[in-house]
């Protein structure tokens, strides 16, 4: 597997559909990890500009919740609580007692669970949506393929946010 100079896995230029989707998702995940690397606790809690309260720590927590939602709740039909409790269902809220090391461990655990739950599943296998999500999408289920594409999009969007946050914190760009 080829790597970028900073160690992220480069998606193959030619691959089967599942390998391509999973490699792009892994690239986006690695990009997020790279964006928070080397920052201290104060820095990962800094918001970009008012009125936004978005932080790098909050983004990692949010993406742990996103992973849990799509793999455990939607795809596998599990009734699991939010990673950071019902009062922080989106994951963005910060707890002074919880830092980046714990958030990264939670995030990586959710990624591992998702991989386990989908390892032997077809891209056409479906997961059930909540009534609220079904009303928005106009369907009561989505395929694993849809979930993977959505997660790539979700990470890419939030990595753009992370670009701006990281640049504001220490001027680093392009990671």
C-alpha atoms as a PDB file:
ATOM      1  CA  UNK A   1       0.000   0.000   0.000  1.00  0.00           C
ATOM      2  CA  UNK A   2       1.316   3.416  -0.955  1.00  0.00           C
ATOM      3  CA  UNK A   3       1.465   6.137   1.682  1.00  0.00           C
ATOM      4  CA  UNK A   4       1.465   9.914   1.581  1.00  0.00           C
ATOM      5  CA  UNK A   5       4.630  11.568   2.953  1.00  0.00           C
ATOM      6  CA  UNK A   6       2.823  11.997   6.295  1.00  0.00           C
ATOM      7  CA  UNK A   7       1.902   8.285   6.463  1.00  0.00           C
ATOM      8  CA  UNK A   8      -1.738   8.237   5.337  1.00  0.00           C
ATOM      9  CA  UNK A   9      -2.785   5.281   3.137  1.00  0.00           C
ATOM     10  CA  UNK A  10      -3.319   6.319  -0.473  1.00  0.00           C
ATOM     11  CA  UNK A  11      -6.430   4.753  -2.003  1.00  0.00           C
ATOM     12  CA  UNK A  12      -5.524   2.490  -4.937  1.00  0.00           C
ATOM     13  CA  UNK A  13      -6.101   3.954  -8.393  1.00  0.00           C
ATOM     14  CA  UNK A  14      -7.728   0.677  -9.500  1.00  0.00           C
ATOM     15  CA  UNK A  15      -9.621  -1.649  -7.178  1.00  0.00           C
ATOM     16  CA  UNK A  16     -12.895  -3.478  -6.727  1.00  0.00           C
ATOM     17  CA  UNK A  17     -15.752  -1.321  -5.490  1.00  0.00           C
ATOM     18  CA  UNK A  18     -15.627  -2.350  -1.837  1.00  0.00           C
ATOM     19  CA  UNK A  19     -11.857  -2.009  -1.608  1.00  0.00           C
ATOM     20  CA  UNK A  20     -12.099   1.416  -3.223  1.00  0.00           C
ATOM     21  CA  UNK A  21     -14.823   2.645  -0.854  1.00  0.00           C
ATOM     22  CA  UNK A  22     -13.127   1.293   2.256  1.00  0.00           C
ATOM     23  CA  UNK A  23      -9.729   2.683   1.250  1.00  0.00           C
ATOM     24  CA  UNK A  24     -11.164   6.176   0.677  1.00  0.00           C
ATOM     25  CA  UNK A  25     -12.906   6.002   4.053  1.00  0.00           C
ATOM     26  CA  UNK A  26      -9.639   4.912   5.699  1.00  0.00           C
ATOM     27  CA  UNK A  27      -7.851   7.807   3.989  1.00  0.00           C
ATOM     28  CA  UNK A  28     -10.394  10.269   5.360  1.00  0.00           C
ATOM     29  CA  UNK A  29     -10.118   8.752   8.835  1.00  0.00           C
ATOM     30  CA  UNK A  30      -6.317   8.987   8.689  1.00  0.00           C
ATOM     31  CA  UNK A  31      -6.638  12.610   7.598  1.00  0.00           C
ATOM     32  CA  UNK A  32      -8.684  13.426  10.691  1.00  0.00           C
ATOM     33  CA  UNK A  33      -6.128  11.697  12.928  1.00  0.00           C
ATOM     34  CA  UNK A  34      -3.350  13.665  11.235  1.00  0.00           C
ATOM     35  CA  UNK A  35      -5.148  16.965  11.791  1.00  0.00           C
ATOM     36  CA  UNK A  36      -5.267  16.497  15.574  1.00  0.00           C
ATOM     37  CA  UNK A  37      -1.760  15.064  15.905  1.00  0.00           C
ATOM     38  CA  UNK A  38       0.721  16.974  18.038  1.00  0.00           C
ATOM     39  CA  UNK A  39      -1.727  19.369  19.677  1.00  0.00           C
ATOM     40  CA  UNK A  40      -2.112  19.844  23.420  1.00  0.00           C
ATOM     41  CA  UNK A  41      -5.335  19.738  25.418  1.00  0.00           C
ATOM     42  CA  UNK A  42      -5.845  23.497  25.290  1.00  0.00           C
ATOM     43  CA  UNK A  43      -5.383  23.598  21.517  1.00  0.00           C
ATOM     44  CA  UNK A  44      -7.876  20.811  20.716  1.00  0.00           C
ATOM     45  CA  UNK A  45     -10.503  22.707  22.723  1.00  0.00           C
ATOM     46  CA  UNK A  46     -10.129  25.983  20.804  1.00  0.00           C
ATOM     47  CA  UNK A  47     -13.074  27.021  18.657  1.00  0.00           C
ATOM     48  CA  UNK A  48     -12.466  28.732  15.333  1.00  0.00           C
ATOM     49  CA  UNK A  49     -14.492  31.935  15.495  1.00  0.00           C
ATOM     50  CA  UNK A  50     -17.623  32.981  17.331  1.00  0.00           C
ATOM     51  CA  UNK A  51     -20.424  32.069  17.268  1.00  0.00           C
ATOM     52  CA  UNK A  52     -19.090  28.607  16.345  1.00  0.00           C
ATOM     53  CA  UNK A  53     -18.188  26.345  19.243  1.00  0.00           C
ATOM     54  CA  UNK A  54     -16.731  23.633  16.971  1.00  0.00           C
ATOM     55  CA  UNK A  55     -13.397  22.239  18.159  1.00  0.00           C
ATOM     56  CA  UNK A  56     -11.060  19.497  17.005  1.00  0.00           C
ATOM     57  CA  UNK A  57     -11.844  17.503  20.144  1.00  0.00           C
ATOM     58  CA  UNK A  58     -15.550  17.913  19.454  1.00  0.00           C
ATOM     59  CA  UNK A  59     -15.086  16.759  15.854  1.00  0.00           C
ATOM     60  CA  UNK A  60     -13.333  13.539  16.931  1.00  0.00           C
ATOM     61  CA  UNK A  61     -16.088  12.862  19.474  1.00  0.00           C
ATOM     62  CA  UNK A  62     -18.766  13.630  16.881  1.00  0.00           C
ATOM     63  CA  UNK A  63     -17.232  11.224  14.383  1.00  0.00           C
ATOM     64  CA  UNK A  64     -17.120   8.489  17.052  1.00  0.00           C
ATOM     65  CA  UNK A  65     -20.867   9.042  17.391  1.00  0.00           C
ATOM     66  CA  UNK A  66     -21.309   9.018  13.592  1.00  0.00           C
ATOM     67  CA  UNK A  67     -19.475   5.692  13.343  1.00  0.00           C
ATOM     68  CA  UNK A  68     -21.635   4.225  16.134  1.00  0.00           C
ATOM     69  CA  UNK A  69     -24.835   5.472  14.558  1.00  0.00           C
ATOM     70  CA  UNK A  70     -24.314   4.162  11.037  1.00  0.00           C
ATOM     71  CA  UNK A  71     -22.718   0.816  11.872  1.00  0.00           C
ATOM     72  CA  UNK A  72     -24.308  -0.229  15.142  1.00  0.00           C
ATOM     73  CA  UNK A  73     -27.695   1.483  15.113  1.00  0.00           C
ATOM     74  CA  UNK A  74     -28.557   1.610  11.423  1.00  0.00           C
ATOM     75  CA  UNK A  75     -26.671  -1.291   9.881  1.00  0.00           C
ATOM     76  CA  UNK A  76     -26.797  -3.773  12.753  1.00  0.00           C
ATOM     77  CA  UNK A  77     -30.055  -2.610  14.373  1.00  0.00           C
ATOM     78  CA  UNK A  78     -28.572  -2.293  17.848  1.00  0.00           C
ATOM     79  CA  UNK A  79     -30.082  -0.034  20.457  1.00  0.00           C
ATOM     80  CA  UNK A  80     -26.933   1.542  21.858  1.00  0.00           C
ATOM     81  CA  UNK A  81     -26.708   4.809  23.778  1.00  0.00           C
ATOM     82  CA  UNK A  82     -24.807   7.811  22.466  1.00  0.00           C
ATOM     83  CA  UNK A  83     -21.053   7.452  22.996  1.00  0.00           C
ATOM     84  CA  UNK A  84     -20.953  10.508  25.273  1.00  0.00           C
ATOM     85  CA  UNK A  85     -24.395  10.179  26.832  1.00  0.00           C
ATOM     86  CA  UNK A  86     -27.868  11.406  25.900  1.00  0.00           C
ATOM     87  CA  UNK A  87     -27.048  14.992  26.883  1.00  0.00           C
ATOM     88  CA  UNK A  88     -24.245  15.013  24.269  1.00  0.00           C
ATOM     89  CA  UNK A  89     -25.786  12.898  21.515  1.00  0.00           C
ATOM     90  CA  UNK A  90     -23.977  14.804  18.748  1.00  0.00           C
ATOM     91  CA  UNK A  91     -20.645  14.403  20.495  1.00  0.00           C
ATOM     92  CA  UNK A  92     -19.619  18.045  20.164  1.00  0.00           C
ATOM     93  CA  UNK A  93     -19.888  18.916  23.862  1.00  0.00           C
ATOM     94  CA  UNK A  94     -16.625  18.996  25.788  1.00  0.00           C
ATOM     95  CA  UNK A  95     -16.015  17.540  29.219  1.00  0.00           C
ATOM     96  CA  UNK A  96     -13.024  18.965  31.124  1.00  0.00           C
ATOM     97  CA  UNK A  97     -12.197  15.454  32.356  1.00  0.00           C
ATOM     98  CA  UNK A  98     -12.072  13.918  28.862  1.00  0.00           C
ATOM     99  CA  UNK A  99      -9.205  14.741  26.521  1.00  0.00           C
ATOM    100  CA  UNK A 100      -8.102  13.839  23.032  1.00  0.00           C
ATOM    101  CA  UNK A 101      -6.459  10.533  24.000  1.00  0.00           C
ATOM    102  CA  UNK A 102      -9.783   9.206  25.340  1.00  0.00           C
ATOM    103  CA  UNK A 103     -11.742  10.613  22.391  1.00  0.00           C
ATOM    104  CA  UNK A 104      -9.346   8.998  19.907  1.00  0.00           C
ATOM    105  CA  UNK A 105      -9.617   5.676  21.735  1.00  0.00           C
ATOM    106  CA  UNK A 106     -13.430   5.889  21.639  1.00  0.00           C
ATOM    107  CA  UNK A 107     -13.356   6.820  17.945  1.00  0.00           C
ATOM    108  CA  UNK A 108     -10.994   3.971  17.053  1.00  0.00           C
ATOM    109  CA  UNK A 109     -13.119   1.498  19.031  1.00  0.00           C
ATOM    110  CA  UNK A 110     -16.198   2.560  17.053  1.00  0.00           C
ATOM    111  CA  UNK A 111     -14.280   2.150  13.781  1.00  0.00           C
ATOM    112  CA  UNK A 112     -13.206  -1.344  14.843  1.00  0.00           C
ATOM    113  CA  UNK A 113     -16.791  -2.280  15.772  1.00  0.00           C
ATOM    114  CA  UNK A 114     -18.026  -1.092  12.404  1.00  0.00           C
ATOM    115  CA  UNK A 115     -15.405  -3.148  10.607  1.00  0.00           C
ATOM    116  CA  UNK A 116     -16.375  -6.227  12.603  1.00  0.00           C
ATOM    117  CA  UNK A 117     -20.087  -5.767  11.907  1.00  0.00           C
ATOM    118  CA  UNK A 118     -19.632  -5.350   8.155  1.00  0.00           C
ATOM    119  CA  UNK A 119     -16.635  -7.580   7.392  1.00  0.00           C
ATOM    120  CA  UNK A 120     -18.635 -10.382   5.797  1.00  0.00           C
ATOM    121  CA  UNK A 121     -21.542  -8.317   4.510  1.00  0.00           C
ATOM    122  CA  UNK A 122     -22.431  -7.486   0.930  1.00  0.00           C
ATOM    123  CA  UNK A 123     -22.456  -3.864  -0.203  1.00  0.00           C
ATOM    124  CA  UNK A 124     -26.134  -4.493  -0.961  1.00  0.00           C
ATOM    125  CA  UNK A 125     -26.934  -5.568   2.625  1.00  0.00           C
ATOM    126  CA  UNK A 126     -29.322  -3.093   4.195  1.00  0.00           C
ATOM    127  CA  UNK A 127     -29.730  -1.435   7.551  1.00  0.00           C
ATOM    128  CA  UNK A 128     -32.964   0.023   8.883  1.00  0.00           C
ATOM    129  CA  UNK A 129     -33.345   3.752   9.293  1.00  0.00           C
ATOM    130  CA  UNK A 130     -35.098   5.477  12.151  1.00  0.00           C
ATOM    131  CA  UNK A 131     -38.557   6.820  11.287  1.00  0.00           C
ATOM    132  CA  UNK A 132     -37.117  10.359  11.281  1.00  0.00           C
ATOM    133  CA  UNK A 133     -34.293   9.482   8.870  1.00  0.00           C
ATOM    134  CA  UNK A 134     -36.642   7.418   6.717  1.00  0.00           C
ATOM    135  CA  UNK A 135     -38.954  10.428   6.359  1.00  0.00           C
ATOM    136  CA  UNK A 136     -36.042  12.541   5.112  1.00  0.00           C
ATOM    137  CA  UNK A 137     -34.632   9.934   2.725  1.00  0.00           C
ATOM    138  CA  UNK A 138     -37.934   8.538   1.538  1.00  0.00           C
ATOM    139  CA  UNK A 139     -36.890   4.954   2.260  1.00  0.00           C
ATOM    140  CA  UNK A 140     -36.842   2.809   5.366  1.00  0.00           C
ATOM    141  CA  UNK A 141     -33.364   1.351   4.796  1.00  0.00           C
ATOM    142  CA  UNK A 142     -29.996   2.058   3.221  1.00  0.00           C
ATOM    143  CA  UNK A 143     -27.371  -0.278   1.811  1.00  0.00           C
ATOM    144  CA  UNK A 144     -23.895  -0.731   3.228  1.00  0.00           C
ATOM    145  CA  UNK A 145     -22.710   0.896  -0.013  1.00  0.00           C
ATOM    146  CA  UNK A 146     -24.791   3.997   0.815  1.00  0.00           C
ATOM    147  CA  UNK A 147     -23.393   4.055   4.357  1.00  0.00           C
ATOM    148  CA  UNK A 148     -19.788   3.905   3.118  1.00  0.00           C
ATOM    149  CA  UNK A 149     -20.340   6.687   0.585  1.00  0.00           C
ATOM    150  CA  UNK A 150     -22.090   8.785   3.216  1.00  0.00           C
ATOM    151  CA  UNK A 151     -19.253   8.275   5.704  1.00  0.00           C
ATOM    152  CA  UNK A 152     -16.671   9.339   3.100  1.00  0.00           C
ATOM    153  CA  UNK A 153     -18.723  12.495   2.515  1.00  0.00           C
ATOM    154  CA  UNK A 154     -19.167  13.118   6.242  1.00  0.00           C
ATOM    155  CA  UNK A 155     -15.455  12.790   6.954  1.00  0.00           C
ATOM    156  CA  UNK A 156     -14.453  14.917   3.955  1.00  0.00           C
ATOM    157  CA  UNK A 157     -16.780  17.714   5.100  1.00  0.00           C
ATOM    158  CA  UNK A 158     -15.536  17.591   8.684  1.00  0.00           C
ATOM    159  CA  UNK A 159     -11.923  17.354   7.564  1.00  0.00           C
ATOM    160  CA  UNK A 160     -12.516  20.684   5.839  1.00  0.00           C
ATOM    161  CA  UNK A 161     -13.674  22.070   9.175  1.00  0.00           C
ATOM    162  CA  UNK A 162     -10.608  20.527  10.811  1.00  0.00           C
ATOM    163  CA  UNK A 163      -8.378  22.242   8.200  1.00  0.00           C
ATOM    164  CA  UNK A 164      -9.689  25.630   9.273  1.00  0.00           C
ATOM    165  CA  UNK A 165      -9.498  24.835  12.995  1.00  0.00           C
ATOM    166  CA  UNK A 166      -5.921  23.571  12.729  1.00  0.00           C
ATOM    167  CA  UNK A 167      -4.830  26.591  10.685  1.00  0.00           C
ATOM    168  CA  UNK A 168      -6.355  28.900  13.305  1.00  0.00           C
ATOM    169  CA  UNK A 169      -4.604  27.045  16.119  1.00  0.00           C
ATOM    170  CA  UNK A 170      -1.033  26.890  14.838  1.00  0.00           C
ATOM    171  CA  UNK A 171      -0.968  27.900  11.180  1.00  0.00           C
ATOM    172  CA  UNK A 172      -0.497  24.339   9.924  1.00  0.00           C
ATOM    173  CA  UNK A 173      -2.250  23.728   6.607  1.00  0.00           C
ATOM    174  CA  UNK A 174      -2.449  20.851   4.186  1.00  0.00           C
ATOM    175  CA  UNK A 175      -2.202  18.036   6.694  1.00  0.00           C
END
